[in-house]
């Protein structure tokens, strides 16, 4: 192997290692919000209607505690 090829391999390995470290630290936490909407309709006499709508919002914090 020539010196240029060895240098290219070393640089590639370093870039791969830095990318893996960046991903490990960058993906160590997440925040998730889920919204659930339920709707029920009840028709009464004539053109009068009643709509019942409920909304539930759940939040989850998955951050890593050090």
Protein backbone atom coordinates (compact mmCIF):
# COMPACT_ATOMS: atom_id res chain seq x y z
CA UNK A 1 0.00 0.00 0.00
CA UNK A 2 1.17 3.48 -0.74
CA UNK A 3 1.33 6.26 1.80
CA UNK A 4 -1.61 8.06 0.13
CA UNK A 5 -3.85 5.01 0.42
CA UNK A 6 -2.99 4.58 4.12
CA UNK A 7 -3.77 8.24 4.79
CA UNK A 8 -7.12 7.92 2.98
CA UNK A 9 -8.01 4.84 5.02
CA UNK A 10 -7.07 6.54 8.30
CA UNK A 11 -9.12 9.63 7.41
CA UNK A 12 -12.11 7.47 6.44
CA UNK A 13 -11.94 5.58 9.75
CA UNK A 14 -11.73 8.85 11.70
CA UNK A 15 -14.71 10.31 9.87
CA UNK A 16 -16.72 7.13 10.52
CA UNK A 17 -15.81 7.22 14.22
CA UNK A 18 -16.76 10.90 14.55
CA UNK A 19 -20.04 10.27 12.76
CA UNK A 20 -20.85 7.40 15.13
CA UNK A 21 -20.04 9.55 18.16
CA UNK A 22 -22.15 12.42 16.83
CA UNK A 23 -25.09 10.08 16.26
CA UNK A 24 -24.72 8.55 19.73
CA UNK A 25 -24.80 11.93 21.47
CA UNK A 26 -27.32 13.50 19.12
CA UNK A 27 -29.84 10.65 19.38
CA UNK A 28 -29.64 10.25 23.15
CA UNK A 29 -32.90 12.12 23.76
CA UNK A 30 -36.26 12.61 22.14
CA UNK A 31 -39.54 14.37 22.80
CA UNK A 32 -42.78 12.88 21.56
CA UNK A 33 -46.21 14.48 21.51
CA UNK A 34 -49.28 12.48 20.55
CA UNK A 35 -52.70 14.04 20.00
CA UNK A 36 -55.81 11.88 20.07
CA UNK A 37 -59.09 13.40 18.87
CA UNK A 38 -62.40 11.61 19.31
CA UNK A 39 -65.60 12.98 17.80
CA UNK A 40 -69.16 11.84 18.27
CA UNK A 41 -72.19 13.25 16.44
CA UNK A 42 -75.77 12.95 17.53
CA UNK A 43 -78.51 14.24 15.26
CA UNK A 44 -81.64 15.59 16.91
CA UNK A 45 -84.96 16.77 15.50
CA UNK A 46 -84.93 18.90 12.38
CA UNK A 47 -81.63 20.40 11.36
CA UNK A 48 -80.33 20.85 14.92
CA UNK A 49 -77.32 18.68 15.73
CA UNK A 50 -75.06 18.07 18.67
CA UNK A 51 -71.33 17.31 18.28
CA UNK A 52 -69.19 16.12 21.19
CA UNK A 53 -65.44 16.33 20.59
CA UNK A 54 -62.68 15.36 23.01
CA UNK A 55 -58.96 15.88 22.56
CA UNK A 56 -56.20 14.21 24.56
CA UNK A 57 -52.62 15.44 24.31
CA UNK A 58 -49.87 13.20 25.72
CA UNK A 59 -46.26 14.26 26.03
CA UNK A 60 -43.22 12.04 26.65
CA UNK A 61 -39.68 13.19 27.35
CA UNK A 62 -37.16 10.45 26.62
CA UNK A 63 -34.00 12.36 27.51
CA UNK A 64 -31.06 10.55 29.03
CA UNK A 65 -30.32 11.47 32.65
CA UNK A 66 -26.59 11.60 33.29
